[in-house]
Amino acid sequence: MRTIFHFLLSLLLWGTFFYHWHIVNQQEVTSGTILAIRVLTTLLVVGIAVTVLWVAHNLRIARINQRKHSFPAPPDRLIQDTLGRPIEAEPLEKLQEAPEVHIHVTAEKKSYRTPESAA
């Protein structure tokens, strides 16, 4: 029932829209109408031009990767987890390259080991 109501409401609103456009199309074109068309066209062209220039600017910045206020990523360190437990781990590069990492968690610590070092 709700879908039928939405459909009928949509038809009513679109009918109202086209009815009013029919009324507008019956009006005589005056200098005010021409001025309004020129203003709207100018705003449209300026808006598109500014958008294209802004996108080109951002692409150029991204290509040379020189944002003014960018900070280098902090070094990855495994010192403690978010709960404050100390972490025992092998070198981070070894953990990142390992196909599998075993994580052992106790109330006192957390440890990260690769399968070959855990054996």
C-alpha atoms as a PDB file:
ATOM      1  CA  MET A   1       0.000   0.000   0.000  1.00  0.00           C
ATOM      2  CA  ARG A   2       2.840   2.371   0.866  1.00  0.00           C
ATOM      3  CA  THR A   3       4.483   1.785  -2.523  1.00  0.00           C
ATOM      4  CA  ILE A   4       1.252   2.617  -4.339  1.00  0.00           C
ATOM      5  CA  PHE A   5       0.890   5.800  -2.265  1.00  0.00           C
ATOM      6  CA  HIS A   6       4.479   6.842  -3.091  1.00  0.00           C
ATOM      7  CA  PHE A   7       3.887   6.105  -6.764  1.00  0.00           C
ATOM      8  CA  LEU A   8       0.680   8.180  -6.872  1.00  0.00           C
ATOM      9  CA  LEU A   9       2.328  11.025  -4.955  1.00  0.00           C
ATOM     10  CA  SER A  10       5.247  10.941  -7.365  1.00  0.00           C
ATOM     11  CA  LEU A  11       2.899  11.108 -10.359  1.00  0.00           C
ATOM     12  CA  LEU A  12       1.043  14.038  -8.798  1.00  0.00           C
ATOM     13  CA  LEU A  13       4.258  15.967  -8.109  1.00  0.00           C
ATOM     14  CA  TRP A  14       5.716  15.302 -11.578  1.00  0.00           C
ATOM     15  CA  GLY A  15       2.411  16.358 -13.120  1.00  0.00           C
ATOM     16  CA  THR A  16       2.534  19.607 -11.113  1.00  0.00           C
ATOM     17  CA  PHE A  17       6.129  20.168 -12.242  1.00  0.00           C
ATOM     18  CA  PHE A  18       5.333  19.723 -15.938  1.00  0.00           C
ATOM     19  CA  TYR A  19       2.149  21.813 -15.633  1.00  0.00           C
ATOM     20  CA  HIS A  20       4.140  24.748 -14.291  1.00  0.00           C
ATOM     21  CA  TRP A  21       6.787  24.350 -16.981  1.00  0.00           C
ATOM     22  CA  HIS A  22       3.966  24.494 -19.537  1.00  0.00           C
ATOM     23  CA  ILE A  23       2.840  27.778 -17.979  1.00  0.00           C
ATOM     24  CA  VAL A  24       6.393  29.147 -18.085  1.00  0.00           C
ATOM     25  CA  ASN A  25       6.817  28.099 -21.733  1.00  0.00           C
ATOM     26  CA  GLN A  26       3.679  30.047 -22.681  1.00  0.00           C
ATOM     27  CA  GLN A  27       5.214  33.294 -21.385  1.00  0.00           C
ATOM     28  CA  GLU A  28       6.874  35.792 -23.670  1.00  0.00           C
ATOM     29  CA  VAL A  29      10.678  35.953 -23.580  1.00  0.00           C
ATOM     30  CA  THR A  30      11.693  39.308 -22.142  1.00  0.00           C
ATOM     31  CA  SER A  31      14.996  40.996 -21.458  1.00  0.00           C
ATOM     32  CA  GLY A  32      14.680  39.859 -17.824  1.00  0.00           C
ATOM     33  CA  THR A  33      14.398  36.244 -18.970  1.00  0.00           C
ATOM     34  CA  ILE A  34      17.459  36.598 -21.186  1.00  0.00           C
ATOM     35  CA  LEU A  35      19.392  38.187 -18.316  1.00  0.00           C
ATOM     36  CA  ALA A  36      18.409  35.328 -15.985  1.00  0.00           C
ATOM     37  CA  ILE A  37      19.538  32.741 -18.555  1.00  0.00           C
ATOM     38  CA  ARG A  38      22.875  34.550 -18.986  1.00  0.00           C
ATOM     39  CA  VAL A  39      23.469  34.759 -15.224  1.00  0.00           C
ATOM     40  CA  LEU A  40      22.622  31.094 -14.687  1.00  0.00           C
ATOM     41  CA  THR A  41      24.795  30.028 -17.632  1.00  0.00           C
ATOM     42  CA  THR A  42      27.703  32.128 -16.331  1.00  0.00           C
ATOM     43  CA  LEU A  43      27.355  30.643 -12.842  1.00  0.00           C
ATOM     44  CA  LEU A  44      27.249  27.136 -14.292  1.00  0.00           C
ATOM     45  CA  VAL A  45      30.356  27.647 -16.432  1.00  0.00           C
ATOM     46  CA  VAL A  46      32.291  29.318 -13.595  1.00  0.00           C
ATOM     47  CA  GLY A  47      31.301  26.549 -11.178  1.00  0.00           C
ATOM     48  CA  ILE A  48      32.425  23.813 -13.554  1.00  0.00           C
ATOM     49  CA  ALA A  49      35.681  25.658 -14.345  1.00  0.00           C
ATOM     50  CA  VAL A  50      36.528  26.138 -10.661  1.00  0.00           C
ATOM     51  CA  THR A  51      35.790  22.470  -9.954  1.00  0.00           C
ATOM     52  CA  VAL A  52      37.969  21.268 -12.838  1.00  0.00           C
ATOM     53  CA  LEU A  53      40.829  23.571 -11.793  1.00  0.00           C
ATOM     54  CA  TRP A  54      40.568  22.407  -8.157  1.00  0.00           C
ATOM     55  CA  VAL A  55      40.671  18.740  -9.182  1.00  0.00           C
ATOM     56  CA  ALA A  56      43.665  19.400 -11.457  1.00  0.00           C
ATOM     57  CA  HIS A  57      45.410  21.220  -8.603  1.00  0.00           C
ATOM     58  CA  ASN A  58      44.842  18.310  -6.199  1.00  0.00           C
ATOM     59  CA  LEU A  59      46.004  15.777  -8.786  1.00  0.00           C
ATOM     60  CA  ARG A  60      49.202  17.786  -9.309  1.00  0.00           C
ATOM     61  CA  ILE A  61      49.838  17.924  -5.566  1.00  0.00           C
ATOM     62  CA  ALA A  62      49.220  14.194  -5.233  1.00  0.00           C
ATOM     63  CA  ARG A  63      51.503  13.439  -8.182  1.00  0.00           C
ATOM     64  CA  ILE A  64      54.481  15.282  -6.717  1.00  0.00           C
ATOM     65  CA  ASN A  65      53.417  14.307  -3.162  1.00  0.00           C
ATOM     66  CA  GLN A  66      54.298  17.648  -1.634  1.00  0.00           C
ATOM     67  CA  ARG A  67      51.467  18.692   0.616  1.00  0.00           C
ATOM     68  CA  LYS A  68      52.504  21.621   2.799  1.00  0.00           C
ATOM     69  CA  HIS A  69      51.482  20.208   6.153  1.00  0.00           C
ATOM     70  CA  SER A  70      52.000  16.504   5.689  1.00  0.00           C
ATOM     71  CA  PHE A  71      53.839  14.665   8.402  1.00  0.00           C
ATOM     72  CA  PRO A  72      55.775  11.450   7.938  1.00  0.00           C
ATOM     73  CA  ALA A  73      54.114   8.338   9.265  1.00  0.00           C
ATOM     74  CA  PRO A  74      55.308   7.482  12.758  1.00  0.00           C
ATOM     75  CA  PRO A  75      57.556   4.435  12.956  1.00  0.00           C
ATOM     76  CA  ASP A  76      55.790   1.184  13.689  1.00  0.00           C
ATOM     77  CA  ARG A  77      56.816   0.052  17.139  1.00  0.00           C
ATOM     78  CA  LEU A  78      55.541  -2.812  19.182  1.00  0.00           C
ATOM     79  CA  ILE A  79      56.067  -1.659  22.771  1.00  0.00           C
ATOM     80  CA  GLN A  80      52.675  -2.089  24.390  1.00  0.00           C
ATOM     81  CA  ASP A  81      49.114  -2.806  23.330  1.00  0.00           C
ATOM     82  CA  THR A  82      46.123  -0.519  23.849  1.00  0.00           C
ATOM     83  CA  LEU A  83      45.528  -2.006  27.300  1.00  0.00           C
ATOM     84  CA  GLY A  84      49.068  -1.171  28.388  1.00  0.00           C
ATOM     85  CA  ARG A  85      50.436  -4.746  28.388  1.00  0.00           C
ATOM     86  CA  PRO A  86      54.060  -5.030  27.281  1.00  0.00           C
ATOM     87  CA  ILE A  87      54.598  -6.730  23.931  1.00  0.00           C
ATOM     88  CA  GLU A  88      57.294  -9.288  23.201  1.00  0.00           C
ATOM     89  CA  ALA A  89      57.848  -9.613  19.464  1.00  0.00           C
ATOM     90  CA  GLU A  90      60.332 -10.504  16.809  1.00  0.00           C
ATOM     91  CA  PRO A  91      61.538  -7.729  14.509  1.00  0.00           C
ATOM     92  CA  LEU A  92      58.576  -6.018  12.869  1.00  0.00           C
ATOM     93  CA  GLU A  93      59.860  -6.635   9.323  1.00  0.00           C
ATOM     94  CA  LYS A  94      59.974 -10.384   9.995  1.00  0.00           C
ATOM     95  CA  LEU A  95      56.413 -10.343  11.351  1.00  0.00           C
ATOM     96  CA  GLN A  96      55.135  -8.377   8.362  1.00  0.00           C
ATOM     97  CA  GLU A  97      56.694 -10.811   5.874  1.00  0.00           C
ATOM     98  CA  ALA A  98      55.572 -13.959   7.699  1.00  0.00           C
ATOM     99  CA  PRO A  99      52.593 -15.802   6.196  1.00  0.00           C
ATOM    100  CA  GLU A 100      51.357 -16.566   9.699  1.00  0.00           C
ATOM    101  CA  VAL A 101      51.833 -14.935  13.106  1.00  0.00           C
ATOM    102  CA  HIS A 102      50.990 -16.579  16.421  1.00  0.00           C
ATOM    103  CA  ILE A 103      49.687 -14.239  19.126  1.00  0.00           C
ATOM    104  CA  HIS A 104      49.729 -15.322  22.752  1.00  0.00           C
ATOM    105  CA  VAL A 105      47.919 -13.119  25.273  1.00  0.00           C
ATOM    106  CA  THR A 106      48.029 -13.294  29.044  1.00  0.00           C
ATOM    107  CA  ALA A 107      47.011 -10.801  31.702  1.00  0.00           C
ATOM    108  CA  GLU A 108      50.644  -9.639  31.996  1.00  0.00           C
ATOM    109  CA  LYS A 109      51.894  -9.565  28.378  1.00  0.00           C
ATOM    110  CA  LYS A 110      51.249 -10.172  24.704  1.00  0.00           C
ATOM    111  CA  SER A 111      53.664 -11.937  22.374  1.00  0.00           C
ATOM    112  CA  TYR A 112      53.888 -12.136  18.583  1.00  0.00           C
ATOM    113  CA  ARG A 113      55.839 -15.041  17.082  1.00  0.00           C
ATOM    114  CA  THR A 114      56.258 -16.581  13.654  1.00  0.00           C
ATOM    115  CA  PRO A 115      55.632 -20.337  13.397  1.00  0.00           C
ATOM    116  CA  GLU A 116      59.311 -21.192  12.895  1.00  0.00           C
ATOM    117  CA  SER A 117      60.396 -19.332  16.030  1.00  0.00           C
ATOM    118  CA  ALA A 118      57.485 -20.653  18.104  1.00  0.00           C
ATOM    119  CA  ALA A 119      58.599 -24.251  17.548  1.00  0.00           C
END
